[in-house]
Amino acid sequence: MRESHHNMENYEETYKDFQLTVPEFYNFGFEVIDKWALKDRNKLAMIWVNQKGEEKFFTYRNLMNLSNQAANMLLKYGINYGDHVAIMLHRVPEWWIFAIACIKLGVVFCPCPTMLTPKDLKFRIESARIKMIITDEENHSKVDEIAGSGTSLLCKLVVDAKIEGWVSYLVELDYPAPVSHYLVNLPGMKKTRSEDPMVIYFTSGTTGNPKMVVHNHTLPIGHITTGKFWLDLKDNDLHLTLADTGWAKSSWGKFFGPWIQGTCSFVYDIRGKFNATEILPILEKYEITTFCAPPTIYRMLILADLEKFDFTELRHCVSAGEPLNPEVIRVWKEGTGLTIYEGYGMTEMVLVIGTFPCMEPKHGSMGKPAPGWVVELHDDECNPTPDGEIGRMALALHPRPVGLFMYYLDDDEANQAAFEGDFFYTGDKAIRDSDGYYWFVGRDDDVIKSSGYRIGPFEVESAILEHPAVAEAAVVGSPDVIRGLVVKAFIVLKPGFTPSEKLIKDIQGYVKNVTAPYKYPRIIEFVETLPKTISGKIRRNELRELETRKIESNK
């Protein structure tokens, strides 16, 4: 199936002429899901497979009807236009069904990773004013632990069980009368305007709690550039993006990106221990045509004997999240015959920079600005930097690009820091070369990217400091061959405590219990003091440089 014809034939021409039309009213549920459903009732939208090999198939028609039923359930339990609903589910079809239902009603949905602890969840429910939470039997006890403690939560829905005090999706579907798959058009039911809030994503920062990123109903329109140009999707493709439903990346390749192109999305439901090489027989068996994975996964996949697998149907591979090592790209191409095309974006936006199939890739480079986006690099005084010099990534706001978030909810300080003059500053630093390709340098704000997760040092440090033996702590990313970075903690102990392997394990176990397990420090180093500024702030950059030098000298 490998073909030379792509959705973008000439980058310069497409970039020069491209523009997206945003209507006054827009709703992805009706405009995309239902339109495909009514155009072709047999058109496949999703193939779902779990690690046991169980399969489910959904057409766009199925998703239209199921999301309408789910919307009627939300209405029945008092959820209406403008309300906030949290969805904390694994990669199960119900995640998409309820997300589409929320979109159709103008209800703002908030994806939450299933790894969240009750403490994490309480913060999200309170700060985002969540009215209903949708989860499963496995995670319902986390909600029960914090529900009723002054939170805004009014309703709890479980998708796979019957639990006292919870609305059961299973019961609602079957008893006492099946819910109609015709969406009730209640008097006064509002049409969603393009600028109405649609989704809130939580993202980690270096200081304080996670920020709440509010996107409006134009987000799916913005993902036309992601799905059409970068993922190069056509309506007969079968696309697999490996991403957790709790993160914005799932909207890129598991939701808006593929479905706005009429593509079938392949969902692999991963629970518990995951071995990356599980993906290789999946790519072969289901004849996946386009594939997106974070660098961590590719680094693991190339350790397998790629030539044992038949990748005849696979035609296009992409990666985003952090720079990909040229060695990984080389080995992947040797084993599959395919180049990995890199891209750049954030929770706050769609694909902003990409290496598109019609372009000559420069390994390690993010590529060039996506159509519809004007990207500049600035110094600290907001002046453009010359090619070859490090600059702050600045996205032009006039006209405001489609797919850029609205604002950080209830966070004036973050909004003022990010929106300056005619630009949005991403908090990342990069270099542009003389050919116009962009090269990622690093974060302004110390966020650790580990195995595709963004981890804010502040959250981990706060958890460590709760341990009775800890006086001070600083957390940085330590370079790691597989994960890109792992969380490392520098710890100053309180008097009376001495460093030991037992204490390391005790601190790690404590952090796993009080915050999401992926945030715990895999490496702990006990130190006498931490480097600080005159004002007393910890100099994490100094610790990072020290760690990088140490790793380099040990090679």
Protein backbone atom coordinates (compact mmCIF):
# COMPACT_ATOMS: atom_id res chain seq x y z
CA MET A 1 0.00 0.00 0.00
CA ARG A 2 3.01 2.31 0.24
CA GLU A 3 2.29 5.26 -1.94
CA SER A 4 4.01 8.44 -3.04
CA HIS A 5 0.82 10.48 -3.23
CA HIS A 6 0.37 12.42 0.03
CA ASN A 7 -2.16 14.92 1.34
CA MET A 8 0.52 17.61 1.09
CA GLU A 9 2.46 17.54 -2.18
CA ASN A 10 4.40 20.79 -1.78
CA TYR A 11 5.11 22.26 1.65
CA GLU A 12 5.81 25.85 0.58
CA GLU A 13 2.69 26.13 -1.57
CA THR A 14 0.43 24.55 1.07
CA TYR A 15 1.85 26.75 3.82
CA LYS A 16 1.44 29.93 1.74
CA ASP A 17 -2.18 29.27 0.67
CA PHE A 18 -3.59 27.41 3.69
CA GLN A 19 -6.40 28.72 5.85
CA LEU A 20 -9.09 27.14 8.00
CA THR A 21 -12.68 28.38 8.00
CA VAL A 22 -14.30 28.60 11.43
CA PRO A 23 -18.10 28.94 11.38
CA GLU A 24 -19.99 30.77 14.12
CA PHE A 25 -21.50 27.48 15.34
CA TYR A 26 -19.57 24.21 15.32
CA ASN A 27 -19.90 20.85 17.03
CA PHE A 28 -17.56 17.93 16.31
CA GLY A 29 -20.18 15.40 17.45
CA PHE A 30 -22.77 16.51 14.91
CA GLU A 31 -20.49 17.91 12.18
CA VAL A 32 -18.07 14.98 12.02
CA ILE A 33 -19.28 11.82 13.80
CA ASP A 34 -22.93 12.11 12.74
CA LYS A 35 -22.13 13.33 9.22
CA TRP A 36 -19.92 10.31 8.51
CA ALA A 37 -22.61 8.10 10.10
CA LEU A 38 -25.36 9.46 7.86
CA LYS A 39 -23.19 9.44 4.75
CA ASP A 40 -22.23 5.75 5.12
CA ARG A 41 -23.88 3.69 7.85
CA ASN A 42 -21.25 0.91 7.48
CA LYS A 43 -18.18 3.12 7.69
CA LEU A 44 -15.77 1.80 10.35
CA ALA A 45 -14.64 4.31 12.99
CA MET A 46 -12.88 2.18 15.62
CA ILE A 47 -11.34 -1.23 16.09
CA TRP A 48 -10.80 -1.90 19.81
CA VAL A 49 -8.52 -4.71 21.00
CA ASN A 50 -7.30 -5.54 24.50
CA GLN A 51 -4.22 -7.44 25.64
CA LYS A 52 -6.24 -10.68 25.80
CA GLY A 53 -7.01 -10.36 22.10
CA GLU A 54 -10.72 -9.54 22.57
CA GLU A 55 -12.08 -7.32 19.80
CA LYS A 56 -14.89 -4.81 19.29
CA PHE A 57 -15.76 -2.96 16.10
CA PHE A 58 -17.64 0.36 15.93
CA THR A 59 -18.98 2.18 12.90
CA TYR A 60 -19.55 5.94 12.90
CA ARG A 61 -23.26 5.00 13.01
CA ASN A 62 -22.66 3.04 16.24
CA LEU A 63 -20.84 6.02 17.76
CA MET A 64 -23.61 8.40 16.71
CA ASN A 65 -26.28 6.27 18.38
CA LEU A 66 -24.26 5.36 21.48
CA SER A 67 -23.18 8.96 22.09
CA ASN A 68 -26.79 10.11 21.73
CA GLN A 69 -27.84 7.54 24.34
CA ALA A 70 -25.04 8.69 26.63
CA ALA A 71 -26.06 12.33 26.12
CA ASN A 72 -29.61 11.47 27.18
CA MET A 73 -28.21 9.85 30.34
CA LEU A 74 -26.26 13.01 31.15
CA LEU A 75 -29.38 15.11 30.67
CA LYS A 76 -31.41 12.72 32.84
CA TYR A 77 -28.97 13.21 35.73
CA GLY A 78 -28.89 16.98 35.54
CA ILE A 79 -25.83 17.57 33.37
CA ASN A 80 -26.41 20.43 30.94
CA TYR A 81 -24.69 22.89 28.63
CA GLY A 82 -21.66 24.49 30.33
CA ASP A 83 -21.35 21.93 33.14
CA HIS A 84 -18.00 20.20 33.74
CA VAL A 85 -17.67 16.39 33.63
CA ALA A 86 -14.50 14.39 34.40
CA ILE A 87 -13.87 11.17 32.44
CA MET A 88 -11.38 8.81 34.11
CA LEU A 89 -11.33 5.63 32.04
CA HIS A 90 -8.80 3.31 30.45
CA ARG A 91 -8.73 3.01 26.66
CA VAL A 92 -12.26 1.64 26.50
CA PRO A 93 -14.93 2.61 23.93
CA GLU A 94 -16.99 4.29 26.66
CA TRP A 95 -14.32 7.01 26.94
CA TRP A 96 -15.06 8.14 23.36
CA ILE A 97 -18.81 7.57 23.68
CA PHE A 98 -19.11 9.88 26.70
CA ALA A 99 -16.64 12.44 25.32
CA ILE A 100 -18.72 12.76 22.13
CA ALA A 101 -21.88 12.96 24.25
CA CYS A 102 -20.41 15.84 26.25
CA ILE A 103 -19.37 17.66 23.08
CA LYS A 104 -22.86 17.31 21.58
CA LEU A 105 -24.44 18.83 24.69
CA GLY A 106 -21.93 21.65 25.09
CA VAL A 107 -20.76 20.01 28.32
CA VAL A 108 -17.06 20.60 29.07
CA PHE A 109 -15.25 17.29 29.54
CA CYS A 110 -12.03 16.85 31.52
CA PRO A 111 -9.93 13.77 30.72
CA CYS A 112 -8.15 12.29 33.77
CA PRO A 113 -5.47 9.57 33.77
CA THR A 114 -6.54 6.41 35.61
CA MET A 115 -3.24 6.54 37.54
CA LEU A 116 -4.37 9.56 39.57
CA THR A 117 -4.47 9.18 43.34
CA PRO A 118 -7.48 10.35 45.41
CA LYS A 119 -5.45 13.46 46.33
CA ASP A 120 -4.78 14.26 42.62
CA LEU A 121 -8.42 13.65 41.84
CA LYS A 122 -9.70 15.88 44.64
CA PHE A 123 -7.59 18.75 43.35
CA ARG A 124 -8.97 18.33 39.82
CA ILE A 125 -12.58 18.01 40.92
CA GLU A 126 -12.39 21.09 43.13
CA SER A 127 -10.35 23.34 40.85
CA ALA A 128 -12.28 22.49 37.65
CA ARG A 129 -15.65 22.51 39.48
CA ILE A 130 -16.51 19.02 38.26
CA LYS A 131 -20.21 18.19 38.55
CA MET A 132 -20.10 14.54 37.41
CA ILE A 133 -17.35 11.94 37.17
CA ILE A 134 -17.43 8.96 34.82
CA THR A 135 -15.11 6.07 35.73
CA ASP A 136 -14.98 2.27 36.14
CA GLU A 137 -15.23 -0.28 38.92
CA GLU A 138 -11.45 -0.39 39.32
CA ASN A 139 -11.21 3.35 40.09
CA HIS A 140 -14.54 4.10 41.77
CA SER A 141 -13.13 3.75 45.31
CA LYS A 142 -10.76 6.69 44.69
CA VAL A 143 -13.80 8.86 44.00
CA ASP A 144 -15.72 7.54 47.00
CA GLU A 145 -12.73 8.38 49.20
CA ILE A 146 -12.95 12.08 48.39
CA ALA A 147 -16.57 12.58 47.27
CA GLY A 148 -18.75 14.53 49.66
CA SER A 149 -15.81 16.30 51.29
CA GLY A 150 -16.95 19.73 50.17
CA THR A 151 -16.45 18.99 46.47
CA SER A 152 -18.67 20.19 43.63
CA LEU A 153 -19.42 16.59 42.64
CA LEU A 154 -23.14 15.88 42.34
CA CYS A 155 -23.22 12.66 40.34
CA LYS A 156 -21.03 9.57 39.86
CA LEU A 157 -21.36 7.21 36.89
CA VAL A 158 -19.65 3.84 36.50
CA VAL A 159 -19.46 2.25 33.04
CA ASP A 160 -18.85 -1.44 33.81
CA ALA A 161 -20.60 -2.36 37.07
CA LYS A 162 -23.56 -1.86 39.40
CA ILE A 163 -22.44 -0.06 42.57
CA GLU A 164 -24.61 1.43 45.28
CA GLY A 165 -24.63 5.22 45.14
CA TRP A 166 -23.48 5.22 41.52
CA VAL A 167 -25.38 5.58 38.25
CA SER A 168 -24.66 2.44 36.21
CA TYR A 169 -24.21 2.80 32.45
CA LEU A 170 -25.13 -0.88 32.09
CA VAL A 171 -28.40 -0.44 33.99
CA GLU A 172 -29.26 2.77 32.13
CA LEU A 173 -28.84 0.99 28.79
CA ASP A 174 -31.11 -1.92 29.70
CA TYR A 175 -33.54 -1.09 32.48
CA PRO A 176 -36.32 -0.12 33.03
CA ALA A 177 -36.42 0.95 29.37
CA PRO A 178 -33.49 1.28 26.97
CA VAL A 179 -32.34 4.87 26.49
CA SER A 180 -33.30 6.23 23.11
CA HIS A 181 -30.47 6.67 20.65
CA TYR A 182 -32.27 9.74 19.37
CA LEU A 183 -30.82 12.72 21.17
CA VAL A 184 -33.60 14.53 23.01
CA ASN A 185 -33.86 18.01 21.51
CA LEU A 186 -35.06 19.74 24.64
CA PRO A 187 -36.57 23.22 24.44
CA GLY A 188 -33.70 25.64 24.92
CA MET A 189 -30.99 23.05 24.21
CA LYS A 190 -28.17 25.25 22.99
CA LYS A 191 -26.16 24.95 19.81
CA THR A 192 -22.47 25.19 20.57
CA ARG A 193 -20.64 28.23 19.31
CA SER A 194 -17.11 27.71 18.01
CA GLU A 195 -15.70 29.82 20.85
CA ASP A 196 -17.57 27.93 23.62
CA PRO A 197 -15.32 25.93 25.97
CA MET A 198 -15.23 22.22 25.03
CA VAL A 199 -12.49 20.47 27.02
CA ILE A 200 -10.14 21.10 29.96
CA TYR A 201 -6.78 19.34 30.02
CA PHE A 202 -4.52 19.39 33.07
CA THR A 203 -0.85 20.00 32.42
CA SER A 204 2.13 19.99 34.79
CA GLY A 205 4.21 23.06 35.55
CA THR A 206 7.33 23.55 37.61
CA THR A 207 5.70 25.52 40.36
CA GLY A 208 2.32 25.05 41.94
CA ASN A 209 -0.32 22.57 40.90
CA PRO A 210 -1.15 21.45 37.34
CA LYS A 211 -2.54 24.19 35.10
CA MET A 212 -5.99 23.82 33.53
CA VAL A 213 -5.86 24.28 29.76
CA VAL A 214 -9.22 25.30 28.27
CA HIS A 215 -9.87 24.55 24.58
CA ASN A 216 -12.97 25.59 22.65
CA HIS A 217 -14.95 23.77 19.94
CA THR A 218 -12.45 24.81 17.23
CA LEU A 219 -9.87 22.35 18.59
CA PRO A 220 -11.00 19.54 16.23
CA ILE A 221 -10.86 21.94 13.26
CA GLY A 222 -7.29 22.79 14.25
CA HIS A 223 -6.45 19.09 14.19
CA ILE A 224 -7.06 19.03 10.42
CA THR A 225 -3.38 19.97 10.13
CA THR A 226 -2.44 17.13 12.49
CA GLY A 227 -4.58 14.45 10.86
CA LYS A 228 -4.44 15.45 7.21
CA PHE A 229 -0.90 16.74 6.79
CA TRP A 230 1.31 15.26 9.52
CA LEU A 231 -0.39 11.90 10.07
CA ASP A 232 -1.19 11.94 6.32
CA LEU A 233 -4.52 10.18 6.96
CA LYS A 234 -6.97 9.16 4.27
CA ASP A 235 -10.41 7.70 4.85
CA ASN A 236 -9.32 4.12 4.08
CA ASP A 237 -6.42 4.14 6.55
CA LEU A 238 -6.24 2.28 9.86
CA HIS A 239 -4.38 4.51 12.30
CA LEU A 240 -2.78 3.63 15.63
CA THR A 241 -1.60 6.30 18.07
CA LEU A 242 -0.22 5.07 21.37
CA ALA A 243 -1.44 7.54 24.00
CA ASP A 244 -3.26 7.47 27.32
CA THR A 245 -6.84 8.79 27.29
CA GLY A 246 -5.96 11.11 30.19
CA TRP A 247 -3.60 13.23 28.10
CA ALA A 248 -4.15 15.69 25.25
CA LYS A 249 -2.09 13.53 22.86
CA SER A 250 -5.04 11.15 22.61
CA SER A 251 -7.05 13.94 20.93
CA TRP A 252 -4.33 14.25 18.28
CA GLY A 253 -4.26 10.68 17.06
CA LYS A 254 -7.12 8.80 18.73
CA PHE A 255 -9.97 11.26 18.40
CA PHE A 256 -10.09 14.48 16.39
CA GLY A 257 -7.12 13.90 14.05
CA PRO A 258 -8.30 10.60 12.52
CA TRP A 259 -12.06 11.07 12.65
CA ILE A 260 -12.10 14.50 11.03
CA GLN A 261 -10.42 12.66 8.09
CA GLY A 262 -12.95 9.80 8.20
CA THR A 263 -10.19 7.38 9.17
CA CYS A 264 -10.65 4.26 11.32
CA SER A 265 -8.82 4.53 14.64
CA PHE A 266 -7.22 1.42 16.14
CA VAL A 267 -7.32 1.36 19.94
CA TYR A 268 -5.08 -1.01 21.91
CA ASP A 269 -6.33 -1.18 25.50
CA ILE A 270 -3.21 -1.50 27.65
CA ARG A 271 -3.53 -2.37 31.34
CA GLY A 272 -0.83 -3.03 33.90
CA LYS A 273 2.55 -4.21 32.67
CA PHE A 274 3.21 -3.29 29.07
CA ASN A 275 5.95 -4.68 26.86
CA ALA A 276 6.48 -2.42 23.85
CA THR A 277 7.17 -5.38 21.57
CA GLU A 278 3.48 -6.38 21.99
CA ILE A 279 2.85 -3.66 19.41
CA LEU A 280 4.79 -5.35 16.59
CA PRO A 281 2.46 -8.34 16.06
CA ILE A 282 -0.49 -5.90 16.38
CA LEU A 283 0.89 -3.75 13.54
CA GLU A 284 1.28 -6.91 11.44
CA LYS A 285 -1.99 -8.71 12.30
CA TYR A 286 -4.32 -5.74 11.86
CA GLU A 287 -2.40 -4.28 8.91
CA ILE A 288 -2.02 -0.86 10.52
CA THR A 289 -1.25 1.72 7.83
CA THR A 290 -0.18 4.76 9.88
CA PHE A 291 1.46 4.72 13.30
CA CYS A 292 2.28 7.34 15.94
CA ALA A 293 4.22 6.63 19.13
CA PRO A 294 6.40 8.58 21.56
CA PRO A 295 10.19 8.20 21.31
CA THR A 296 10.21 5.94 24.39
CA ILE A 297 8.20 3.31 22.50
CA TYR A 298 10.36 3.50 19.38
CA ARG A 299 13.49 3.11 21.52
CA MET A 300 12.03 -0.11 22.90
CA LEU A 301 10.74 -1.40 19.55
CA ILE A 302 14.12 -1.25 17.83
CA LEU A 303 15.50 -3.71 20.41
CA ALA A 304 13.33 -6.41 18.75
CA ASP A 305 14.15 -8.20 15.50
CA LEU A 306 12.02 -6.00 13.22
CA GLU A 307 12.71 -8.11 10.14
CA LYS A 308 10.65 -10.98 11.61
CA PHE A 309 7.46 -8.96 11.07
CA ASP A 310 5.53 -8.15 7.92
CA PHE A 311 4.97 -4.40 7.72
CA THR A 312 3.78 -4.40 4.10
CA GLU A 313 0.71 -2.26 4.85
CA LEU A 314 2.45 0.20 7.18
CA ARG A 315 3.20 3.31 5.12
CA HIS A 316 3.74 6.24 7.49
CA CYS A 317 5.25 6.60 10.98
CA VAL A 318 5.46 9.68 13.19
CA SER A 319 6.70 10.61 16.65
CA ALA A 320 6.26 13.57 19.00
CA GLY A 321 6.86 14.51 22.61
CA GLU A 322 10.62 14.91 22.60
CA PRO A 323 13.47 14.71 20.08
CA LEU A 324 14.10 11.25 18.64
CA ASN A 325 17.67 9.92 18.51
CA PRO A 326 18.98 9.63 14.91
CA GLU A 327 20.16 6.08 15.77
CA VAL A 328 16.56 5.03 16.51
CA ILE A 329 15.37 6.49 13.20
CA ARG A 330 18.17 4.64 11.37
CA VAL A 331 17.46 1.23 12.94
CA TRP A 332 13.68 1.62 12.43
CA LYS A 333 14.22 2.44 8.75
CA GLU A 334 16.54 -0.56 8.32
CA GLY A 335 13.94 -2.88 9.90
CA THR A 336 10.75 -1.48 8.34
CA GLY A 337 11.85 0.56 5.33
CA LEU A 338 10.10 3.59 6.81
CA THR A 339 11.29 6.97 8.05
CA ILE A 340 9.92 8.31 11.35
CA TYR A 341 8.63 11.87 10.85
CA GLU A 342 8.84 14.11 13.92
CA GLY A 343 6.44 16.77 15.14
CA TYR A 344 5.95 19.32 17.90
CA GLY A 345 2.92 20.53 19.81
CA MET A 346 1.66 20.86 23.37
CA THR A 347 -1.45 20.36 25.49
CA GLU A 348 -2.18 24.00 24.69
CA MET A 349 -2.30 23.48 20.92
CA VAL A 350 -2.43 21.15 17.93
CA LEU A 351 0.58 20.27 15.75
CA VAL A 352 2.58 23.50 15.39
CA ILE A 353 5.79 22.23 13.79
CA GLY A 354 6.19 19.03 11.81
CA THR A 355 8.26 17.07 9.36
CA PHE A 356 5.69 16.35 6.68
CA PRO A 357 5.89 13.40 4.25
CA CYS A 358 6.64 15.64 1.26
CA MET A 359 9.66 17.18 3.04
CA GLU A 360 13.22 15.96 3.29
CA PRO A 361 13.56 15.01 6.98
CA LYS A 362 16.49 16.21 9.06
CA HIS A 363 16.90 13.64 11.81
CA GLY A 364 16.56 15.22 15.24
CA SER A 365 14.71 18.25 13.87
CA MET A 366 11.05 18.94 14.63
CA GLY A 367 10.56 20.16 11.06
CA LYS A 368 8.93 23.37 9.83
CA PRO A 369 5.85 25.34 10.99
CA ALA A 370 2.52 23.64 10.28
CA PRO A 371 0.17 25.38 7.83
CA GLY A 372 -1.82 28.02 9.69
CA TRP A 373 0.93 28.71 12.28
CA VAL A 374 3.54 31.47 12.33
CA VAL A 375 6.46 30.49 14.59
CA GLU A 376 9.24 32.84 15.67
CA LEU A 377 12.17 32.55 18.08
CA HIS A 378 12.70 35.45 20.49
CA ASP A 379 15.25 36.49 23.06
CA ASP A 380 14.27 37.46 26.62
CA GLU A 381 13.35 40.98 25.42
CA CYS A 382 10.93 39.55 22.81
CA ASN A 383 13.21 40.43 19.89
CA PRO A 384 13.64 37.88 17.05
CA THR A 385 16.83 35.81 17.30
CA PRO A 386 18.97 35.07 14.23
CA ASP A 387 19.18 31.58 12.73
CA GLY A 388 21.51 29.30 14.66
CA GLU A 389 20.87 30.96 18.02
CA ILE A 390 18.69 29.63 20.84
CA GLY A 391 15.42 31.48 21.25
CA ARG A 392 12.08 31.26 23.05
CA MET A 393 9.38 29.74 20.89
CA ALA A 394 6.76 32.38 20.09
CA LEU A 395 3.51 31.74 18.21
CA ALA A 396 1.95 34.71 16.43
CA LEU A 397 -1.60 35.57 17.54
CA HIS A 398 -2.77 37.82 14.70
CA PRO A 399 -4.66 36.12 13.28
CA ARG A 400 -5.11 33.74 16.20
CA PRO A 401 -4.31 30.22 14.95
CA VAL A 402 -7.11 27.63 15.00
CA GLY A 403 -6.35 25.01 17.62
CA LEU A 404 -4.63 27.27 20.15
CA PHE A 405 -6.21 27.03 23.60
CA MET A 406 -8.33 29.84 25.05
CA TYR A 407 -6.66 30.40 28.43
CA TYR A 408 -5.49 28.77 31.66
CA LEU A 409 -8.55 28.52 33.91
CA ASP A 410 -8.41 30.71 37.02
CA ASP A 411 -4.69 31.46 36.56
CA ASP A 412 -4.04 35.11 35.69
CA GLU A 413 -0.33 34.77 36.44
CA ALA A 414 0.13 31.92 33.95
CA ASN A 415 -1.93 33.70 31.29
CA GLN A 416 0.08 36.91 31.65
CA ALA A 417 3.37 35.01 31.46
CA ALA A 418 2.34 33.07 28.34
CA PHE A 419 0.46 35.73 26.34
CA GLU A 420 2.75 38.68 25.76
CA GLY A 421 2.05 41.30 23.14
CA ASP A 422 1.18 39.66 19.83
CA PHE A 423 2.58 36.25 20.77
CA PHE A 424 1.99 33.13 22.85
CA TYR A 425 5.23 31.88 24.41
CA THR A 426 5.30 28.09 24.67
CA GLY A 427 7.92 27.90 27.43
CA ASP A 428 10.22 25.90 25.13
CA LYS A 429 13.51 26.92 23.58
CA ALA A 430 14.64 26.01 20.09
CA ILE A 431 17.04 26.85 17.27
CA ARG A 432 16.10 27.45 13.63
CA ASP A 433 18.66 26.54 10.98
CA SER A 434 19.29 28.34 7.69
CA ASP A 435 16.88 26.01 5.86
CA GLY A 436 14.00 26.94 8.19
CA TYR A 437 14.01 23.68 10.21
CA TYR A 438 13.45 23.95 13.97
CA TRP A 439 15.49 22.05 16.57
CA PHE A 440 14.19 21.58 20.12
CA VAL A 441 16.58 22.64 22.89
CA GLY A 442 14.61 22.29 26.13
CA ARG A 443 11.94 23.59 28.49
CA ASP A 444 12.11 26.95 30.16
CA ASP A 445 10.34 25.57 33.18
CA ASP A 446 12.00 22.25 34.09
CA VAL A 447 9.09 19.94 33.27
CA ILE A 448 10.40 16.38 33.03
CA LYS A 449 9.29 14.34 30.01
CA SER A 450 9.64 10.67 30.97
CA SER A 451 8.21 7.83 28.84
CA GLY A 452 5.76 10.29 27.26
CA TYR A 453 4.55 11.68 30.62
CA ARG A 454 5.05 15.31 31.59
CA ILE A 455 6.04 15.47 35.25
CA GLY A 456 6.24 18.73 37.21
CA PRO A 457 9.12 18.67 39.73
CA PHE A 458 7.05 20.66 42.23
CA GLU A 459 4.48 17.87 42.57
CA VAL A 460 7.15 15.23 43.20
CA GLU A 461 9.15 17.43 45.58
CA SER A 462 5.99 18.17 47.56
CA ALA A 463 5.36 14.44 47.99
CA ILE A 464 8.98 13.71 49.00
CA LEU A 465 8.96 16.50 51.57
CA GLU A 466 6.05 14.82 53.33
CA HIS A 467 8.35 11.92 54.26
CA PRO A 468 9.50 12.22 57.92
CA ALA A 469 13.20 11.78 57.05
CA VAL A 470 13.37 14.53 54.40
CA ALA A 471 14.47 18.10 55.06
CA GLU A 472 14.83 19.36 51.48
CA ALA A 473 14.38 17.92 48.01
CA ALA A 474 15.00 18.95 44.41
CA VAL A 475 13.81 16.93 41.44
CA VAL A 476 15.27 16.95 37.92
CA GLY A 477 15.29 14.71 34.87
CA SER A 478 18.24 12.35 34.55
CA PRO A 479 19.11 11.15 31.00
CA ASP A 480 18.01 7.57 30.34
CA VAL A 481 18.47 5.49 27.18
CA ILE A 482 14.95 4.01 27.20
CA ARG A 483 12.74 6.65 28.85
CA GLY A 484 14.52 9.77 27.61
CA LEU A 485 14.56 11.09 31.17
CA VAL A 486 13.84 9.52 34.53
CA VAL A 487 12.90 11.38 37.69
CA LYS A 488 15.89 11.89 39.98
CA ALA A 489 15.66 13.42 43.44
CA PHE A 490 18.46 15.15 45.34
CA ILE A 491 17.57 14.88 49.02
CA VAL A 492 18.88 16.53 52.17
CA LEU A 493 17.99 14.43 55.22
CA LYS A 494 16.86 15.68 58.60
CA PRO A 495 19.28 15.30 61.52
CA GLY A 496 19.23 11.79 62.97
CA PHE A 497 18.65 10.07 59.61
CA THR A 498 21.40 8.38 57.59
CA PRO A 499 21.41 7.40 53.91
CA SER A 500 20.67 3.75 53.12
CA GLU A 501 19.15 1.54 50.42
CA LYS A 502 16.27 0.83 52.78
CA LEU A 503 15.55 4.55 53.16
CA ILE A 504 15.65 5.03 49.37
CA LYS A 505 13.04 2.30 48.90
CA ASP A 506 10.96 3.71 51.74
CA ILE A 507 10.91 7.22 50.20
CA GLN A 508 10.12 5.81 46.73
CA GLY A 509 7.27 3.74 48.14
CA TYR A 510 5.90 6.75 49.99
CA VAL A 511 5.87 8.91 46.86
CA LYS A 512 4.13 6.16 44.87
CA ASN A 513 1.38 6.13 47.48
CA VAL A 514 0.74 9.87 47.69
CA THR A 515 0.99 10.77 44.01
CA ALA A 516 0.57 8.99 40.67
CA PRO A 517 3.01 6.02 40.50
CA TYR A 518 4.77 7.22 37.34
CA LYS A 519 6.00 10.33 39.20
CA TYR A 520 8.15 8.59 41.81
CA PRO A 521 11.93 9.22 41.77
CA ARG A 522 13.64 6.23 40.16
CA ILE A 523 17.00 7.59 41.34
CA ILE A 524 17.71 9.19 44.72
CA GLU A 525 20.97 10.86 45.69
CA PHE A 526 21.50 12.10 49.24
CA VAL A 527 23.38 15.41 49.44
CA GLU A 528 24.50 17.77 52.23
CA THR A 529 23.11 20.92 50.58
CA LEU A 530 21.20 22.04 47.48
CA PRO A 531 22.40 24.83 45.15
CA LYS A 532 20.25 27.94 45.58
CA THR A 533 19.86 31.48 44.31
CA ILE A 534 20.37 34.49 46.62
CA SER A 535 16.63 34.61 47.15
CA GLY A 536 16.62 30.96 48.25
CA LYS A 537 15.22 29.32 45.12
CA ILE A 538 16.66 25.91 44.22
CA ARG A 539 18.82 26.03 41.09
CA ARG A 540 17.47 22.97 39.28
CA ASN A 541 19.34 23.91 36.12
CA GLU A 542 22.63 23.47 38.00
CA LEU A 543 21.56 20.02 39.17
CA ARG A 544 20.48 19.06 35.66
CA GLU A 545 23.82 20.11 34.19
CA LEU A 546 25.63 18.21 36.94
CA GLU A 547 23.57 15.10 36.20
CA THR A 548 24.14 15.32 32.44
CA ARG A 549 27.90 15.72 32.91
CA LYS A 550 27.96 12.77 35.29
CA ILE A 551 26.10 10.55 32.79
CA GLU A 552 28.40 11.66 29.93
CA SER A 553 31.57 10.96 31.94
CA ASN A 554 30.33 7.44 32.77
CA LYS A 555 29.76 6.49 29.14
